[in-house]
Amino acid sequence: MTPLTVSSSSTNGPVRLRPRSCDQRPALADFINGTTGQDTRPRQRADSSLLYLLASHLMLRRSTGGWVEVICGPMFSGKSEELIRRVTRSKIARIPVQVFKPQLDNRYADNEVVSHSFMKVEATPVSGSLELLKTIADATEVIGIDEGQFFDDGLVDIVDNLAATGKQVIVAGLDTDYLRRPFEPIPSLCDRAEYVTKMLAVCHRCGGPGMYTQRIVRSDDLVVLGALDAYEARCRMCYDPTEPEQPELGLTGE
């Protein structure tokens, strides 16, 4: 909207409003320098342009400090999908990115992180946290780690130190196991993280908020790789730790 100023031809005459020229507006630089009453319009425009460029640079400049993001929750809650979304966003911004996954997780691919909805991103399989650390390039600014619960406890200090050196580290993984016990090192990483995202699945039984991982095969092993053939997401009411496998429904097919 064009600013208006008051103008009168005489003291007792009618008052009329006329548009105020854009050049008459005091520039931001003049407020800073205290020269709003002076006729320095060329300098005003130059100083304003410099301030705009400086402000744009400060707003767009990437922070030199690092931080940690943890994406946790039960199976089928979209943890890997969210990790892929975040690292892809950084790649679009032309920020150097590396993604890692544990070697033992080869359910969908050896050299990719693949979500249950089949979103994927290229990843480097590693045997543990030390190999991960040795594989990180100096130029890398964003580090993605999938299935963090399958890494050793040394991952906590390594991630902490990476953030201290200016890296952005994003870790996705289960925070509890199939018996609802803390699944390290994810809970410890949550304590060190600036940002923690708790994901929820949809309960396979009732459609409610699925916050637990229900194992539906008989095994006492902590790690049993699988997907819908071995696990379901369950809500608080439908979760049953004594249910080792899915009950037969008595349906027959022809």
Protein backbone atom coordinates (compact mmCIF):
# COMPACT_ATOMS: atom_id res chain seq x y z
CA MET A 1 0.00 0.00 0.00
CA THR A 2 1.38 3.48 -0.97
CA PRO A 3 2.11 5.63 2.11
CA LEU A 4 0.25 8.97 2.27
CA THR A 5 1.38 12.41 3.53
CA VAL A 6 -0.66 15.47 4.54
CA SER A 7 -0.48 18.53 2.25
CA SER A 8 -2.20 21.94 2.56
CA SER A 9 -1.98 25.07 0.35
CA SER A 10 -2.78 27.38 3.24
CA THR A 11 -3.16 27.27 6.96
CA ASN A 12 -6.97 27.35 6.84
CA GLY A 13 -7.39 25.62 3.50
CA PRO A 14 -8.62 22.10 2.88
CA VAL A 15 -6.32 19.26 3.73
CA ARG A 16 -5.58 16.78 0.97
CA LEU A 17 -3.56 13.56 0.95
CA ARG A 18 -0.95 12.88 -1.68
CA PRO A 19 1.14 9.71 -2.21
CA ARG A 20 4.55 9.75 -0.67
CA SER A 21 7.41 8.88 -2.99
CA CYS A 22 9.26 5.63 -2.31
CA ASP A 23 12.51 7.60 -2.38
CA GLN A 24 11.28 9.59 0.62
CA ARG A 25 11.10 6.49 2.83
CA PRO A 26 13.98 6.29 5.29
CA ALA A 27 16.20 3.30 4.58
CA LEU A 28 17.04 0.73 7.21
CA ALA A 29 20.68 1.78 7.00
CA ASP A 30 19.70 5.35 7.91
CA PHE A 31 17.98 4.20 11.07
CA ILE A 32 21.14 2.34 11.99
CA ASN A 33 23.48 5.21 11.07
CA GLY A 34 21.21 7.98 12.43
CA THR A 35 20.99 9.89 9.12
CA THR A 36 17.25 9.76 8.45
CA GLY A 37 16.97 13.57 8.19
CA GLN A 38 19.72 14.01 5.61
CA ASP A 39 19.40 14.02 1.84
CA THR A 40 21.43 10.87 1.26
CA ARG A 41 19.09 8.94 -0.99
CA PRO A 42 21.76 7.40 -3.26
CA ARG A 43 23.68 6.27 -0.21
CA GLN A 44 20.45 5.01 1.37
CA ARG A 45 19.79 2.72 -1.55
CA ALA A 46 23.38 1.46 -1.59
CA ASP A 47 23.46 0.84 2.16
CA SER A 48 20.07 -0.90 2.01
CA SER A 49 21.32 -3.21 -0.73
CA LEU A 50 24.40 -4.10 1.30
CA LEU A 51 22.32 -4.80 4.39
CA TYR A 52 19.94 -6.97 2.37
CA LEU A 53 22.82 -9.03 0.98
CA LEU A 54 24.34 -9.37 4.45
CA ALA A 55 21.03 -10.44 5.99
CA SER A 56 20.42 -12.94 3.19
CA HIS A 57 23.87 -14.43 3.70
CA LEU A 58 23.33 -14.81 7.44
CA MET A 59 19.90 -16.40 6.98
CA LEU A 60 21.08 -18.89 4.35
CA ARG A 61 24.46 -19.73 5.88
CA ARG A 62 24.60 -23.26 7.24
CA SER A 63 25.37 -23.48 10.95
CA THR A 64 28.94 -24.48 11.75
CA GLY A 65 27.76 -26.48 14.79
CA GLY A 66 26.69 -30.11 14.59
CA TRP A 67 23.72 -31.85 16.15
CA VAL A 68 22.09 -35.26 16.58
CA GLU A 69 18.63 -36.34 15.46
CA VAL A 70 17.10 -39.66 16.57
CA ILE A 71 14.08 -41.21 14.87
CA CYS A 72 12.74 -44.02 17.05
CA GLY A 73 9.66 -46.17 17.42
CA PRO A 74 8.35 -49.68 16.73
CA MET A 75 8.56 -51.59 13.49
CA PHE A 76 6.37 -50.36 10.61
CA SER A 77 6.26 -46.82 12.01
CA GLY A 78 8.14 -45.21 9.11
CA LYS A 79 11.54 -44.68 10.77
CA SER A 80 13.61 -45.61 7.70
CA GLU A 81 11.20 -43.71 5.49
CA GLU A 82 11.72 -40.56 7.58
CA LEU A 83 15.49 -41.04 7.55
CA ILE A 84 15.43 -41.35 3.75
CA ARG A 85 13.30 -38.22 3.48
CA ARG A 86 15.69 -36.16 5.61
CA VAL A 87 18.92 -37.21 3.90
CA THR A 88 17.31 -36.80 0.47
CA ARG A 89 16.35 -33.24 1.39
CA SER A 90 20.00 -32.53 2.23
CA LYS A 91 21.13 -34.08 -1.05
CA ILE A 92 18.76 -31.81 -2.96
CA ALA A 93 20.43 -28.88 -1.18
CA ARG A 94 23.80 -30.20 -2.46
CA ILE A 95 25.05 -30.91 1.06
CA PRO A 96 27.57 -33.82 1.23
CA VAL A 97 25.73 -36.84 2.67
CA GLN A 98 26.72 -40.37 3.65
CA VAL A 99 24.29 -43.08 4.80
CA PHE A 100 25.23 -46.23 6.71
CA LYS A 101 23.51 -49.46 7.68
CA PRO A 102 24.58 -52.59 9.63
CA GLN A 103 25.92 -55.41 7.48
CA LEU A 104 23.56 -57.96 9.01
CA ASP A 105 20.49 -56.12 7.70
CA ASN A 106 20.25 -57.40 4.12
CA ARG A 107 16.50 -58.01 4.04
CA TYR A 108 15.84 -55.83 0.98
CA ALA A 109 19.25 -54.81 -0.38
CA ASP A 110 22.95 -54.97 0.48
CA ASN A 111 23.93 -51.41 -0.44
CA GLU A 112 20.72 -49.49 0.13
CA VAL A 113 18.47 -48.48 2.98
CA VAL A 114 15.01 -49.64 1.92
CA SER A 115 11.83 -48.86 3.84
CA HIS A 116 8.86 -51.21 4.13
CA SER A 117 7.13 -48.95 1.60
CA PHE A 118 10.14 -49.50 -0.72
CA MET A 119 11.57 -46.00 -0.55
CA LYS A 120 15.34 -46.33 -0.87
CA VAL A 121 18.63 -44.49 -0.67
CA GLU A 122 22.19 -45.62 -1.33
CA ALA A 123 23.99 -46.76 1.84
CA THR A 124 27.29 -48.24 2.96
CA PRO A 125 27.04 -51.45 5.04
CA VAL A 126 29.43 -51.53 8.00
CA SER A 127 30.27 -54.12 10.64
CA GLY A 128 30.20 -51.72 13.57
CA SER A 129 30.66 -48.20 14.86
CA LEU A 130 34.45 -48.11 14.38
CA GLU A 131 34.21 -49.07 10.71
CA LEU A 132 31.52 -46.44 10.30
CA LEU A 133 33.81 -43.80 11.78
CA LYS A 134 36.72 -44.77 9.50
CA THR A 135 34.48 -44.61 6.41
CA ILE A 136 33.24 -41.05 6.93
CA ALA A 137 34.76 -38.59 4.45
CA ASP A 138 36.11 -35.26 5.73
CA ALA A 139 33.78 -33.31 3.42
CA THR A 140 30.65 -35.09 4.66
CA GLU A 141 28.28 -32.82 6.57
CA VAL A 142 25.20 -35.04 7.03
CA ILE A 143 25.44 -38.65 8.24
CA GLY A 144 22.46 -41.00 8.18
CA ILE A 145 22.46 -44.25 10.17
CA ASP A 146 19.66 -46.78 9.78
CA GLU A 147 18.80 -49.65 12.16
CA GLY A 148 20.87 -48.08 14.92
CA GLN A 149 19.78 -50.74 17.42
CA PHE A 150 21.98 -53.28 15.61
CA PHE A 151 25.16 -51.28 16.30
CA ASP A 152 27.42 -51.69 19.32
CA ASP A 153 27.29 -49.32 22.29
CA GLY A 154 30.34 -47.46 20.97
CA LEU A 155 28.02 -45.74 18.50
CA VAL A 156 26.86 -43.36 21.25
CA ASP A 157 30.24 -41.71 21.84
CA ILE A 158 31.10 -41.74 18.13
CA VAL A 159 27.87 -39.95 17.22
CA ASP A 160 28.43 -37.49 20.06
CA ASN A 161 31.95 -36.71 18.85
CA LEU A 162 30.81 -36.36 15.23
CA ALA A 163 28.27 -33.76 16.29
CA ALA A 164 30.97 -31.95 18.27
CA THR A 165 33.05 -31.65 15.08
CA GLY A 166 30.19 -30.01 13.18
CA LYS A 167 28.43 -33.01 11.62
CA GLN A 168 24.66 -33.46 11.46
CA VAL A 169 23.94 -37.06 12.46
CA ILE A 170 20.54 -38.69 11.92
CA VAL A 171 19.99 -42.11 13.53
CA ALA A 172 16.91 -44.27 13.02
CA GLY A 173 16.17 -47.38 15.06
CA LEU A 174 14.03 -49.31 17.52
CA ASP A 175 13.99 -47.88 21.03
CA THR A 176 12.46 -51.03 22.57
CA ASP A 177 12.69 -54.72 21.69
CA TYR A 178 9.85 -57.23 21.25
CA LEU A 179 9.53 -57.50 25.05
CA ARG A 180 9.30 -53.70 25.44
CA ARG A 181 12.76 -53.52 27.01
CA PRO A 182 15.10 -50.61 26.13
CA PHE A 183 16.96 -51.54 22.95
CA GLU A 184 20.41 -49.99 23.23
CA PRO A 185 22.07 -47.92 21.96
CA ILE A 186 18.97 -45.99 20.81
CA PRO A 187 17.77 -44.92 24.31
CA SER A 188 21.26 -43.61 25.15
CA LEU A 189 21.40 -41.78 21.82
CA CYS A 190 18.09 -40.12 22.67
CA ASP A 191 19.76 -38.68 25.78
CA ARG A 192 22.51 -37.13 23.61
CA ALA A 193 20.25 -35.89 20.80
CA GLU A 194 19.02 -32.35 20.18
CA TYR A 195 15.99 -33.69 18.32
CA VAL A 196 14.09 -36.90 19.08
CA THR A 197 11.17 -37.98 16.90
CA LYS A 198 8.96 -40.72 18.34
CA MET A 199 7.19 -42.49 15.50
CA LEU A 200 3.98 -44.52 15.86
CA ALA A 201 2.74 -47.34 13.66
CA VAL A 202 -0.82 -48.54 13.10
CA CYS A 203 -1.84 -51.49 15.25
CA HIS A 204 -2.27 -54.59 13.08
CA ARG A 205 -5.15 -55.75 15.28
CA CYS A 206 -7.36 -52.73 15.93
CA GLY A 207 -5.94 -49.83 13.93
CA GLY A 208 -5.00 -47.85 17.03
CA PRO A 209 -1.66 -46.13 17.71
CA GLY A 210 0.91 -48.91 17.48
CA MET A 211 3.74 -48.19 19.89
CA TYR A 212 5.11 -51.72 20.41
CA THR A 213 6.69 -54.40 18.24
CA GLN A 214 4.91 -57.75 18.56
CA ARG A 215 6.92 -60.85 17.59
CA ILE A 216 4.69 -63.49 16.00
CA VAL A 217 7.24 -66.29 15.57
CA ARG A 218 8.70 -68.59 18.21
CA SER A 219 12.22 -67.47 19.14
CA ASP A 220 14.03 -66.32 22.25
CA ASP A 221 16.78 -64.57 20.27
CA LEU A 222 16.97 -60.83 20.67
CA VAL A 223 17.61 -60.26 16.97
CA VAL A 224 15.37 -62.03 14.49
CA LEU A 225 15.48 -60.36 11.10
CA GLY A 226 12.12 -60.18 9.42
CA ALA A 227 9.20 -58.03 8.45
CA LEU A 228 5.50 -58.88 8.27
CA ASP A 229 6.39 -62.57 8.40
CA ALA A 230 7.84 -62.21 11.90
CA TYR A 231 6.51 -59.01 13.47
CA GLU A 232 3.45 -56.82 13.84
CA ALA A 233 2.88 -53.38 15.28
CA ARG A 234 0.58 -53.39 18.30
CA CYS A 235 -1.10 -50.78 20.47
CA ARG A 236 -1.05 -50.80 24.26
CA MET A 237 -4.21 -52.92 24.50
CA CYS A 238 -3.40 -55.45 21.77
CA TYR A 239 0.24 -56.09 22.70
CA ASP A 240 0.73 -59.52 24.32
CA PRO A 241 4.28 -60.65 25.23
CA THR A 242 3.03 -64.19 25.82
CA GLU A 243 1.81 -64.53 22.25
CA PRO A 244 4.72 -66.20 20.43
CA GLU A 245 2.94 -66.62 17.12
CA GLN A 246 -0.19 -65.53 15.33
CA PRO A 247 -3.19 -67.77 16.15
CA GLU A 248 -4.80 -69.76 13.37
CA LEU A 249 -8.07 -68.26 12.18
CA GLY A 250 -9.50 -71.53 10.86
CA LEU A 251 -9.93 -70.20 7.31
CA THR A 252 -9.45 -72.48 4.34
CA GLY A 253 -8.81 -71.45 0.78
CA GLU A 254 -9.94 -73.19 -2.36
